[in-house]
N, C-alpha and C. Protein backbone atom coordinates (compact mmCIF):
# COMPACT_ATOMS: atom_id res chain seq x y z
N MET A 1 10.22 12.60 14.61
CA MET A 1 10.10 11.65 13.52
C MET A 1 8.70 11.77 12.94
N GLY A 2 8.23 10.78 12.24
CA GLY A 2 6.91 10.79 11.61
C GLY A 2 7.05 10.61 10.11
N ALA A 3 5.96 10.81 9.43
CA ALA A 3 5.93 10.61 7.98
C ALA A 3 6.68 11.73 7.25
N LEU A 4 7.36 11.34 6.19
CA LEU A 4 8.05 12.29 5.34
C LEU A 4 7.13 12.84 4.26
N GLY A 5 6.05 12.12 4.00
CA GLY A 5 5.08 12.51 2.96
C GLY A 5 4.29 11.29 2.53
N ILE A 6 3.41 11.50 1.59
CA ILE A 6 2.62 10.40 1.03
C ILE A 6 3.50 9.67 0.03
N HIS A 7 3.66 8.37 0.22
CA HIS A 7 4.42 7.56 -0.73
C HIS A 7 3.54 7.16 -1.91
N HIS A 8 2.32 6.69 -1.62
CA HIS A 8 1.37 6.33 -2.67
C HIS A 8 -0.03 6.16 -2.09
N LEU A 9 -0.99 6.11 -2.98
CA LEU A 9 -2.36 5.74 -2.63
C LEU A 9 -2.61 4.36 -3.22
N GLY A 10 -3.14 3.45 -2.41
CA GLY A 10 -3.41 2.09 -2.85
C GLY A 10 -4.87 1.94 -3.23
N VAL A 11 -5.11 1.37 -4.43
CA VAL A 11 -6.46 1.18 -4.94
C VAL A 11 -6.65 -0.29 -5.29
N ALA A 12 -7.66 -0.91 -4.68
CA ALA A 12 -8.00 -2.30 -4.99
C ALA A 12 -8.79 -2.33 -6.29
N VAL A 13 -8.44 -3.25 -7.17
CA VAL A 13 -9.12 -3.36 -8.47
C VAL A 13 -9.53 -4.81 -8.71
N ASP A 14 -10.46 -4.99 -9.64
CA ASP A 14 -10.87 -6.35 -9.98
C ASP A 14 -10.35 -6.78 -11.35
N ASP A 15 -9.71 -5.87 -12.08
CA ASP A 15 -9.09 -6.18 -13.37
C ASP A 15 -7.89 -5.25 -13.51
N LEU A 16 -6.70 -5.77 -13.25
CA LEU A 16 -5.50 -4.94 -13.22
C LEU A 16 -5.18 -4.34 -14.58
N ASP A 17 -5.26 -5.12 -15.63
CA ASP A 17 -4.93 -4.60 -16.96
C ASP A 17 -5.88 -3.46 -17.34
N ARG A 18 -7.17 -3.65 -17.08
CA ARG A 18 -8.15 -2.62 -17.41
C ARG A 18 -7.90 -1.36 -16.57
N ALA A 19 -7.58 -1.55 -15.28
CA ALA A 19 -7.33 -0.39 -14.41
C ALA A 19 -6.09 0.37 -14.87
N VAL A 20 -5.02 -0.34 -15.23
CA VAL A 20 -3.81 0.32 -15.72
C VAL A 20 -4.15 1.14 -16.97
N GLU A 21 -4.87 0.54 -17.88
CA GLU A 21 -5.24 1.24 -19.12
C GLU A 21 -6.07 2.47 -18.81
N THR A 22 -6.99 2.37 -17.88
CA THR A 22 -7.84 3.50 -17.50
C THR A 22 -7.01 4.64 -16.93
N TYR A 23 -6.10 4.34 -16.01
CA TYR A 23 -5.27 5.38 -15.41
C TYR A 23 -4.33 6.01 -16.44
N GLU A 24 -3.84 5.20 -17.37
CA GLU A 24 -2.99 5.74 -18.44
C GLU A 24 -3.80 6.69 -19.33
N ARG A 25 -4.98 6.24 -19.74
CA ARG A 25 -5.82 7.00 -20.65
C ARG A 25 -6.38 8.27 -20.01
N LEU A 26 -6.89 8.15 -18.79
CA LEU A 26 -7.56 9.29 -18.16
C LEU A 26 -6.60 10.28 -17.50
N PHE A 27 -5.50 9.77 -16.92
CA PHE A 27 -4.65 10.64 -16.10
C PHE A 27 -3.21 10.75 -16.60
N GLY A 28 -2.90 10.09 -17.72
CA GLY A 28 -1.54 10.15 -18.24
C GLY A 28 -0.54 9.39 -17.39
N ALA A 29 -1.03 8.44 -16.60
CA ALA A 29 -0.16 7.65 -15.72
C ALA A 29 0.79 6.80 -16.54
N ALA A 30 1.93 6.50 -15.94
CA ALA A 30 2.93 5.63 -16.57
C ALA A 30 3.29 4.53 -15.58
N VAL A 31 3.27 3.28 -16.05
CA VAL A 31 3.62 2.16 -15.19
C VAL A 31 5.09 2.28 -14.82
N GLU A 32 5.33 2.29 -13.53
CA GLU A 32 6.69 2.39 -13.00
C GLU A 32 7.24 1.01 -12.69
N HIS A 33 6.37 0.15 -12.19
CA HIS A 33 6.78 -1.19 -11.78
C HIS A 33 5.53 -2.04 -11.67
N ARG A 34 5.67 -3.32 -12.01
CA ARG A 34 4.56 -4.26 -11.87
C ARG A 34 5.14 -5.58 -11.39
N ALA A 35 4.51 -6.16 -10.37
CA ALA A 35 5.04 -7.41 -9.82
C ALA A 35 3.97 -8.13 -9.02
N VAL A 36 4.17 -9.42 -8.88
CA VAL A 36 3.37 -10.23 -7.97
C VAL A 36 4.09 -10.21 -6.63
N VAL A 37 3.33 -9.95 -5.57
CA VAL A 37 3.87 -9.92 -4.21
C VAL A 37 3.13 -11.02 -3.43
N PRO A 38 3.63 -12.27 -3.51
CA PRO A 38 2.92 -13.39 -2.88
C PRO A 38 2.68 -13.20 -1.39
N ALA A 39 3.63 -12.61 -0.69
CA ALA A 39 3.49 -12.43 0.76
C ALA A 39 2.30 -11.54 1.11
N GLN A 40 1.91 -10.66 0.20
CA GLN A 40 0.76 -9.79 0.43
C GLN A 40 -0.47 -10.26 -0.33
N GLY A 41 -0.31 -11.31 -1.14
CA GLY A 41 -1.45 -11.86 -1.88
C GLY A 41 -1.97 -10.97 -2.98
N VAL A 42 -1.07 -10.22 -3.64
CA VAL A 42 -1.50 -9.30 -4.68
C VAL A 42 -0.57 -9.32 -5.89
N GLU A 43 -1.12 -8.91 -7.00
CA GLU A 43 -0.33 -8.45 -8.12
C GLU A 43 -0.50 -6.94 -8.10
N ALA A 44 0.59 -6.21 -8.12
CA ALA A 44 0.53 -4.76 -7.96
C ALA A 44 1.18 -4.06 -9.15
N ALA A 45 0.59 -2.95 -9.52
CA ALA A 45 1.17 -2.08 -10.53
C ALA A 45 1.32 -0.70 -9.91
N SER A 46 2.54 -0.20 -9.90
CA SER A 46 2.80 1.14 -9.40
C SER A 46 2.83 2.08 -10.60
N LEU A 47 2.01 3.10 -10.55
CA LEU A 47 1.91 4.06 -11.64
C LEU A 47 2.33 5.44 -11.16
N ARG A 48 3.13 6.12 -11.96
CA ARG A 48 3.49 7.50 -11.68
C ARG A 48 2.46 8.39 -12.35
N VAL A 49 1.98 9.35 -11.59
CA VAL A 49 1.07 10.36 -12.09
C VAL A 49 1.70 11.70 -11.69
N GLY A 50 2.42 12.29 -12.60
CA GLY A 50 3.20 13.48 -12.25
C GLY A 50 4.25 13.09 -11.23
N ASP A 51 4.30 13.83 -10.13
CA ASP A 51 5.26 13.54 -9.06
C ASP A 51 4.71 12.54 -8.05
N SER A 52 3.49 12.09 -8.26
CA SER A 52 2.82 11.21 -7.30
C SER A 52 2.76 9.78 -7.81
N ARG A 53 2.29 8.90 -6.93
CA ARG A 53 2.25 7.48 -7.24
C ARG A 53 0.91 6.89 -6.79
N VAL A 54 0.32 6.05 -7.65
CA VAL A 54 -0.86 5.26 -7.33
C VAL A 54 -0.47 3.80 -7.50
N GLU A 55 -0.85 2.98 -6.53
CA GLU A 55 -0.55 1.55 -6.58
C GLU A 55 -1.87 0.81 -6.76
N LEU A 56 -2.01 0.12 -7.89
CA LEU A 56 -3.20 -0.67 -8.17
C LEU A 56 -2.96 -2.09 -7.70
N LEU A 57 -3.94 -2.65 -6.97
CA LEU A 57 -3.77 -3.95 -6.32
C LEU A 57 -4.84 -4.93 -6.77
N LEU A 58 -4.43 -6.04 -7.34
CA LEU A 58 -5.32 -7.12 -7.72
C LEU A 58 -5.08 -8.29 -6.78
N ALA A 59 -6.14 -8.74 -6.12
CA ALA A 59 -6.02 -9.87 -5.19
C ALA A 59 -5.66 -11.15 -5.95
N LEU A 60 -4.77 -11.95 -5.36
CA LEU A 60 -4.42 -13.25 -5.94
C LEU A 60 -5.44 -14.32 -5.58
N GLY A 61 -6.34 -14.01 -4.68
CA GLY A 61 -7.38 -14.96 -4.28
C GLY A 61 -8.36 -14.30 -3.33
N PRO A 62 -9.51 -14.93 -3.12
CA PRO A 62 -10.55 -14.34 -2.28
C PRO A 62 -10.21 -14.29 -0.80
N GLU A 63 -9.27 -15.10 -0.34
CA GLU A 63 -8.93 -15.13 1.09
C GLU A 63 -7.72 -14.28 1.45
N THR A 64 -7.26 -13.49 0.50
CA THR A 64 -6.16 -12.55 0.78
C THR A 64 -6.78 -11.27 1.37
N PRO A 65 -5.97 -10.44 2.01
CA PRO A 65 -6.53 -9.20 2.55
C PRO A 65 -7.25 -8.34 1.50
N VAL A 66 -6.64 -8.18 0.32
CA VAL A 66 -7.28 -7.38 -0.72
C VAL A 66 -8.50 -8.11 -1.28
N GLY A 67 -8.42 -9.43 -1.38
CA GLY A 67 -9.58 -10.21 -1.83
C GLY A 67 -10.77 -10.04 -0.91
N ARG A 68 -10.53 -10.09 0.40
CA ARG A 68 -11.62 -9.87 1.37
C ARG A 68 -12.15 -8.45 1.30
N PHE A 69 -11.24 -7.49 1.11
CA PHE A 69 -11.65 -6.09 0.98
C PHE A 69 -12.60 -5.92 -0.21
N VAL A 70 -12.22 -6.45 -1.37
CA VAL A 70 -13.03 -6.31 -2.58
C VAL A 70 -14.37 -7.02 -2.41
N ALA A 71 -14.37 -8.20 -1.76
CA ALA A 71 -15.62 -8.91 -1.53
C ALA A 71 -16.58 -8.10 -0.65
N ARG A 72 -16.05 -7.42 0.36
CA ARG A 72 -16.88 -6.62 1.27
C ARG A 72 -17.29 -5.28 0.69
N ARG A 73 -16.36 -4.60 0.04
CA ARG A 73 -16.59 -3.21 -0.35
C ARG A 73 -16.56 -2.94 -1.84
N GLY A 74 -16.07 -3.91 -2.61
CA GLY A 74 -15.89 -3.68 -4.04
C GLY A 74 -14.58 -2.96 -4.29
N PRO A 75 -14.22 -2.80 -5.56
CA PRO A 75 -12.99 -2.09 -5.89
C PRO A 75 -13.04 -0.66 -5.39
N GLY A 76 -11.88 -0.12 -5.07
CA GLY A 76 -11.82 1.27 -4.64
C GLY A 76 -10.62 1.55 -3.77
N MET A 77 -10.66 2.72 -3.16
CA MET A 77 -9.56 3.16 -2.30
C MET A 77 -9.29 2.14 -1.20
N HIS A 78 -8.04 1.67 -1.09
CA HIS A 78 -7.68 0.63 -0.14
C HIS A 78 -6.84 1.17 1.01
N HIS A 79 -5.81 1.95 0.72
CA HIS A 79 -4.94 2.46 1.79
C HIS A 79 -4.18 3.71 1.36
N VAL A 80 -3.65 4.38 2.36
CA VAL A 80 -2.74 5.50 2.16
C VAL A 80 -1.39 5.06 2.70
N ALA A 81 -0.35 5.24 1.89
CA ALA A 81 1.00 4.84 2.30
C ALA A 81 1.84 6.08 2.56
N PHE A 82 2.52 6.06 3.71
CA PHE A 82 3.37 7.16 4.12
C PHE A 82 4.83 6.75 4.05
N ALA A 83 5.66 7.58 3.48
CA ALA A 83 7.11 7.34 3.47
C ALA A 83 7.66 7.69 4.84
N VAL A 84 8.54 6.84 5.35
CA VAL A 84 9.20 7.10 6.63
C VAL A 84 10.70 6.84 6.47
N ALA A 85 11.50 7.54 7.24
CA ALA A 85 12.96 7.42 7.14
C ALA A 85 13.47 6.14 7.79
N ASP A 86 12.89 5.77 8.93
CA ASP A 86 13.37 4.63 9.70
C ASP A 86 12.15 3.82 10.14
N LEU A 87 11.81 2.80 9.35
CA LEU A 87 10.58 2.05 9.59
C LEU A 87 10.55 1.36 10.95
N PRO A 88 11.58 0.65 11.38
CA PRO A 88 11.52 0.03 12.72
C PRO A 88 11.31 1.06 13.83
N ALA A 89 11.98 2.21 13.73
CA ALA A 89 11.82 3.25 14.75
C ALA A 89 10.41 3.82 14.72
N GLU A 90 9.86 3.98 13.53
CA GLU A 90 8.50 4.53 13.42
C GLU A 90 7.47 3.54 13.98
N LEU A 91 7.66 2.25 13.75
CA LEU A 91 6.77 1.24 14.34
C LEU A 91 6.85 1.29 15.86
N ALA A 92 8.04 1.43 16.39
CA ALA A 92 8.20 1.52 17.85
C ALA A 92 7.52 2.77 18.39
N ARG A 93 7.66 3.88 17.69
CA ARG A 93 7.03 5.12 18.12
C ARG A 93 5.51 5.01 18.12
N LEU A 94 4.96 4.43 17.06
CA LEU A 94 3.50 4.26 16.97
C LEU A 94 2.98 3.31 18.05
N ARG A 95 3.72 2.22 18.26
CA ARG A 95 3.34 1.24 19.30
C ARG A 95 3.32 1.92 20.66
N ALA A 96 4.34 2.72 20.96
CA ALA A 96 4.41 3.44 22.24
C ALA A 96 3.28 4.46 22.38
N ALA A 97 2.82 4.97 21.25
CA ALA A 97 1.73 5.95 21.27
C ALA A 97 0.36 5.27 21.36
N GLY A 98 0.36 3.93 21.36
CA GLY A 98 -0.90 3.18 21.52
C GLY A 98 -1.59 2.81 20.22
N ALA A 99 -0.95 3.01 19.09
CA ALA A 99 -1.56 2.66 17.80
C ALA A 99 -1.59 1.14 17.64
N GLU A 100 -2.71 0.63 17.13
CA GLU A 100 -2.82 -0.80 16.85
C GLU A 100 -2.13 -1.07 15.51
N LEU A 101 -1.16 -1.96 15.53
CA LEU A 101 -0.38 -2.29 14.34
C LEU A 101 -0.83 -3.63 13.78
N ILE A 102 -0.85 -3.75 12.48
CA ILE A 102 -1.06 -5.05 11.83
C ILE A 102 0.26 -5.79 11.79
N ASP A 103 1.32 -5.05 11.49
CA ASP A 103 2.68 -5.62 11.41
C ASP A 103 3.53 -5.08 12.55
N ASP A 104 4.06 -5.97 13.37
CA ASP A 104 4.98 -5.56 14.42
C ASP A 104 6.39 -5.35 13.89
N GLU A 105 6.69 -5.99 12.78
CA GLU A 105 8.00 -5.90 12.15
C GLU A 105 7.83 -5.58 10.67
N PRO A 106 8.78 -4.91 10.05
CA PRO A 106 8.71 -4.65 8.61
C PRO A 106 8.71 -5.94 7.81
N ARG A 107 8.09 -5.88 6.63
CA ARG A 107 8.10 -7.01 5.70
C ARG A 107 8.39 -6.48 4.30
N ALA A 108 8.67 -7.38 3.39
CA ALA A 108 9.01 -6.98 2.02
C ALA A 108 7.77 -6.51 1.28
N GLY A 109 7.92 -5.39 0.56
CA GLY A 109 6.85 -4.86 -0.26
C GLY A 109 7.33 -4.69 -1.69
N LEU A 110 6.56 -3.97 -2.48
CA LEU A 110 6.90 -3.70 -3.86
C LEU A 110 8.22 -2.94 -3.93
N PHE A 111 8.97 -3.11 -4.99
CA PHE A 111 10.29 -2.49 -5.22
C PHE A 111 11.35 -3.02 -4.27
N GLY A 112 11.05 -4.05 -3.46
CA GLY A 112 11.99 -4.53 -2.47
C GLY A 112 12.07 -3.63 -1.25
N LEU A 113 11.14 -2.68 -1.14
CA LEU A 113 11.12 -1.79 0.02
C LEU A 113 10.50 -2.50 1.22
N GLN A 114 10.82 -2.02 2.39
CA GLN A 114 10.23 -2.55 3.62
C GLN A 114 8.94 -1.79 3.90
N VAL A 115 7.89 -2.55 4.29
CA VAL A 115 6.59 -1.94 4.58
C VAL A 115 6.03 -2.53 5.86
N ALA A 116 5.06 -1.83 6.43
CA ALA A 116 4.31 -2.32 7.58
C ALA A 116 2.97 -1.59 7.58
N PHE A 117 1.94 -2.27 8.09
CA PHE A 117 0.60 -1.70 8.07
C PHE A 117 0.13 -1.35 9.47
N VAL A 118 -0.61 -0.24 9.54
CA VAL A 118 -1.24 0.23 10.77
C VAL A 118 -2.73 -0.03 10.63
N HIS A 119 -3.32 -0.63 11.66
CA HIS A 119 -4.73 -1.01 11.63
C HIS A 119 -5.63 0.21 11.42
N PRO A 120 -6.70 0.07 10.63
CA PRO A 120 -7.62 1.18 10.42
C PRO A 120 -8.25 1.71 11.71
N GLU A 121 -8.35 0.88 12.74
CA GLU A 121 -8.90 1.34 14.02
C GLU A 121 -8.05 2.47 14.62
N ALA A 122 -6.77 2.49 14.29
CA ALA A 122 -5.86 3.51 14.84
C ALA A 122 -5.94 4.83 14.08
N THR A 123 -6.54 4.79 12.89
CA THR A 123 -6.49 5.98 12.02
C THR A 123 -7.86 6.42 11.54
N GLY A 124 -8.88 6.15 12.31
CA GLY A 124 -10.22 6.61 11.94
C GLY A 124 -10.82 5.88 10.75
N GLY A 125 -10.45 4.62 10.57
CA GLY A 125 -11.05 3.80 9.53
C GLY A 125 -10.27 3.70 8.24
N VAL A 126 -9.07 4.27 8.18
CA VAL A 126 -8.26 4.21 6.96
C VAL A 126 -7.04 3.33 7.21
N LEU A 127 -6.88 2.30 6.39
CA LEU A 127 -5.68 1.47 6.47
C LEU A 127 -4.48 2.31 6.09
N ALA A 128 -3.45 2.30 6.92
CA ALA A 128 -2.23 3.06 6.63
C ALA A 128 -1.07 2.10 6.45
N GLU A 129 -0.26 2.38 5.47
CA GLU A 129 0.96 1.62 5.20
C GLU A 129 2.14 2.56 5.43
N LEU A 130 3.16 2.04 6.08
CA LEU A 130 4.41 2.78 6.23
C LEU A 130 5.41 2.17 5.26
N VAL A 131 6.11 2.99 4.53
CA VAL A 131 7.08 2.53 3.55
C VAL A 131 8.44 3.09 3.92
N GLY A 132 9.38 2.18 4.23
CA GLY A 132 10.75 2.58 4.51
C GLY A 132 11.62 2.31 3.30
N ASP A 133 12.86 2.70 3.40
CA ASP A 133 13.76 2.50 2.28
C ASP A 133 14.55 1.19 2.37
N GLY A 134 14.24 0.38 3.39
CA GLY A 134 14.90 -0.90 3.52
C GLY A 134 16.22 -0.83 4.27
N ARG A 135 16.67 0.37 4.59
CA ARG A 135 17.96 0.51 5.27
C ARG A 135 17.80 0.59 6.78
N GLY A 136 16.55 0.94 7.22
CA GLY A 136 16.33 1.12 8.65
C GLY A 136 16.14 -0.15 9.41
């Protein structure tokens, strides 16, 4: 098992509209989906850049995970998301391998997909998100 590939790169921003416009203007990105995800404390815009995807994240408040990230580090690279075929099985595999998980169970993410986060301590300082298709 393991990752099928990179699903998206997550970027924390302090002005979502400006960031969307910048990615459209500079990289030819196209907004694929935009939504508020209250459970994660963000408004997110998923942009297609060729065959790849960038997810821009605006914190809904200073006490959300992205809000704390921006307060500590400023806008910038937030996480790498990996596509997985069976999210519950992948969480179990990572747990058995000793990885520190933020989420023990999948939760709802953008597009109605199931997601879970792996603590940066497990991955050399990079927050990792696992993205399943919701069927696993």
